[in-house]
Amino acid sequence: MSTQQHKVVVIGGGAAGIATAASMLKRRPGLDIAIVEPSDTHAYQPG
């Protein structure tokens, strides 16, 4: 079993998860963020 550590973990790599990670990086460049997404693909569906 592999163990990895990050400062921030975002659960979900959809539009909201990626936007959240991008916003955090804009505020703190270089922040160590991991995005956890179980799906291989993402189909963007605007509201």
N, C-alpha and C. Protein backbone atom coordinates (compact mmCIF):
# COMPACT_ATOMS: atom_id res chain seq x y z
N MET A 1 0.84 -1.19 0.00
CA MET A 1 0.00 0.00 0.00
C MET A 1 0.88 1.24 0.00
N SER A 2 0.56 2.18 -0.88
CA SER A 2 1.30 3.42 -1.01
C SER A 2 0.69 4.49 -0.10
N THR A 3 1.54 5.26 0.55
CA THR A 3 1.08 6.34 1.41
C THR A 3 1.59 7.65 0.86
N GLN A 4 0.69 8.58 0.61
CA GLN A 4 1.06 9.90 0.12
C GLN A 4 0.44 10.94 1.02
N GLN A 5 1.14 12.05 1.20
CA GLN A 5 0.62 13.13 2.01
C GLN A 5 0.57 14.41 1.20
N HIS A 6 -0.50 15.16 1.39
CA HIS A 6 -0.68 16.45 0.73
C HIS A 6 -1.26 17.42 1.74
N LYS A 7 -1.09 18.71 1.49
CA LYS A 7 -1.66 19.73 2.38
C LYS A 7 -3.18 19.78 2.24
N VAL A 8 -3.68 19.64 0.99
CA VAL A 8 -5.12 19.71 0.71
C VAL A 8 -5.49 18.56 -0.19
N VAL A 9 -6.62 17.91 0.10
CA VAL A 9 -7.15 16.86 -0.77
C VAL A 9 -8.56 17.26 -1.16
N VAL A 10 -8.80 17.37 -2.48
CA VAL A 10 -10.11 17.70 -3.01
C VAL A 10 -10.74 16.40 -3.49
N ILE A 11 -11.92 16.08 -2.98
CA ILE A 11 -12.61 14.86 -3.39
C ILE A 11 -13.58 15.22 -4.51
N GLY A 12 -13.30 14.71 -5.70
CA GLY A 12 -14.13 14.97 -6.86
C GLY A 12 -13.43 15.87 -7.85
N GLY A 13 -13.20 15.34 -9.05
CA GLY A 13 -12.50 16.08 -10.08
C GLY A 13 -13.41 16.66 -11.13
N GLY A 14 -14.66 16.88 -10.78
CA GLY A 14 -15.59 17.53 -11.72
C GLY A 14 -15.33 19.02 -11.77
N ALA A 15 -16.27 19.73 -12.35
CA ALA A 15 -16.11 21.18 -12.51
C ALA A 15 -15.89 21.88 -11.17
N ALA A 16 -16.65 21.52 -10.15
CA ALA A 16 -16.53 22.17 -8.84
C ALA A 16 -15.19 21.86 -8.17
N GLY A 17 -14.77 20.60 -8.23
CA GLY A 17 -13.50 20.22 -7.61
C GLY A 17 -12.31 20.90 -8.25
N ILE A 18 -12.31 20.95 -9.58
CA ILE A 18 -11.20 21.59 -10.30
C ILE A 18 -11.22 23.10 -10.06
N ALA A 19 -12.41 23.70 -10.05
CA ALA A 19 -12.51 25.13 -9.80
C ALA A 19 -12.04 25.48 -8.39
N THR A 20 -12.36 24.64 -7.43
CA THR A 20 -11.92 24.85 -6.05
C THR A 20 -10.40 24.78 -5.96
N ALA A 21 -9.82 23.76 -6.57
CA ALA A 21 -8.36 23.62 -6.55
C ALA A 21 -7.69 24.81 -7.25
N ALA A 22 -8.24 25.24 -8.38
CA ALA A 22 -7.67 26.37 -9.11
C ALA A 22 -7.75 27.65 -8.28
N SER A 23 -8.86 27.86 -7.59
CA SER A 23 -9.03 29.03 -6.75
C SER A 23 -8.02 29.03 -5.61
N MET A 24 -7.82 27.88 -5.00
CA MET A 24 -6.83 27.77 -3.92
C MET A 24 -5.43 28.05 -4.42
N LEU A 25 -5.10 27.53 -5.60
CA LEU A 25 -3.76 27.76 -6.16
C LEU A 25 -3.55 29.22 -6.55
N LYS A 26 -4.61 29.88 -6.96
CA LYS A 26 -4.49 31.30 -7.30
C LYS A 26 -4.18 32.13 -6.04
N ARG A 27 -4.78 31.72 -4.93
CA ARG A 27 -4.56 32.43 -3.67
C ARG A 27 -3.24 32.07 -3.01
N ARG A 28 -2.82 30.80 -3.19
CA ARG A 28 -1.56 30.33 -2.61
C ARG A 28 -0.79 29.53 -3.65
N PRO A 29 -0.08 30.19 -4.55
CA PRO A 29 0.69 29.47 -5.57
C PRO A 29 1.65 28.45 -4.94
N GLY A 30 1.72 27.28 -5.53
CA GLY A 30 2.61 26.24 -5.03
C GLY A 30 2.00 25.37 -3.95
N LEU A 31 0.75 25.64 -3.56
CA LEU A 31 0.08 24.83 -2.54
C LEU A 31 0.00 23.37 -3.01
N ASP A 32 0.28 22.45 -2.12
CA ASP A 32 0.29 21.02 -2.44
C ASP A 32 -1.13 20.48 -2.39
N ILE A 33 -1.76 20.30 -3.56
CA ILE A 33 -3.15 19.85 -3.66
C ILE A 33 -3.22 18.54 -4.44
N ALA A 34 -4.00 17.60 -3.92
CA ALA A 34 -4.30 16.36 -4.64
C ALA A 34 -5.79 16.35 -4.94
N ILE A 35 -6.15 15.92 -6.16
CA ILE A 35 -7.57 15.77 -6.52
C ILE A 35 -7.84 14.29 -6.69
N VAL A 36 -8.82 13.78 -5.95
CA VAL A 36 -9.17 12.36 -6.01
C VAL A 36 -10.44 12.22 -6.84
N GLU A 37 -10.34 11.49 -7.94
CA GLU A 37 -11.47 11.28 -8.85
C GLU A 37 -11.43 9.85 -9.35
N PRO A 38 -12.45 9.05 -9.02
CA PRO A 38 -12.43 7.64 -9.43
C PRO A 38 -12.74 7.41 -10.92
N SER A 39 -13.42 8.34 -11.57
CA SER A 39 -13.79 8.15 -12.98
C SER A 39 -12.62 8.45 -13.91
N ASP A 40 -12.53 7.72 -15.00
CA ASP A 40 -11.50 7.95 -16.01
C ASP A 40 -11.86 9.13 -16.91
N THR A 41 -13.16 9.41 -17.06
CA THR A 41 -13.60 10.49 -17.92
C THR A 41 -14.57 11.40 -17.16
N HIS A 42 -14.75 12.61 -17.68
CA HIS A 42 -15.70 13.54 -17.09
C HIS A 42 -16.47 14.20 -18.22
N ALA A 43 -17.78 14.17 -18.15
CA ALA A 43 -18.62 14.80 -19.16
C ALA A 43 -19.19 16.08 -18.55
N TYR A 44 -18.69 17.22 -19.01
CA TYR A 44 -19.16 18.50 -18.49
C TYR A 44 -20.59 18.74 -18.95
N GLN A 45 -21.45 19.04 -17.99
CA GLN A 45 -22.84 19.33 -18.29
C GLN A 45 -23.23 20.61 -17.58
N PRO A 46 -23.20 21.73 -18.29
CA PRO A 46 -23.52 23.00 -17.64
C PRO A 46 -24.96 23.02 -17.12
N GLY A 47 -25.16 23.71 -15.99
CA GLY A 47 -26.48 23.79 -15.37
C GLY A 47 -27.39 24.62 -16.19
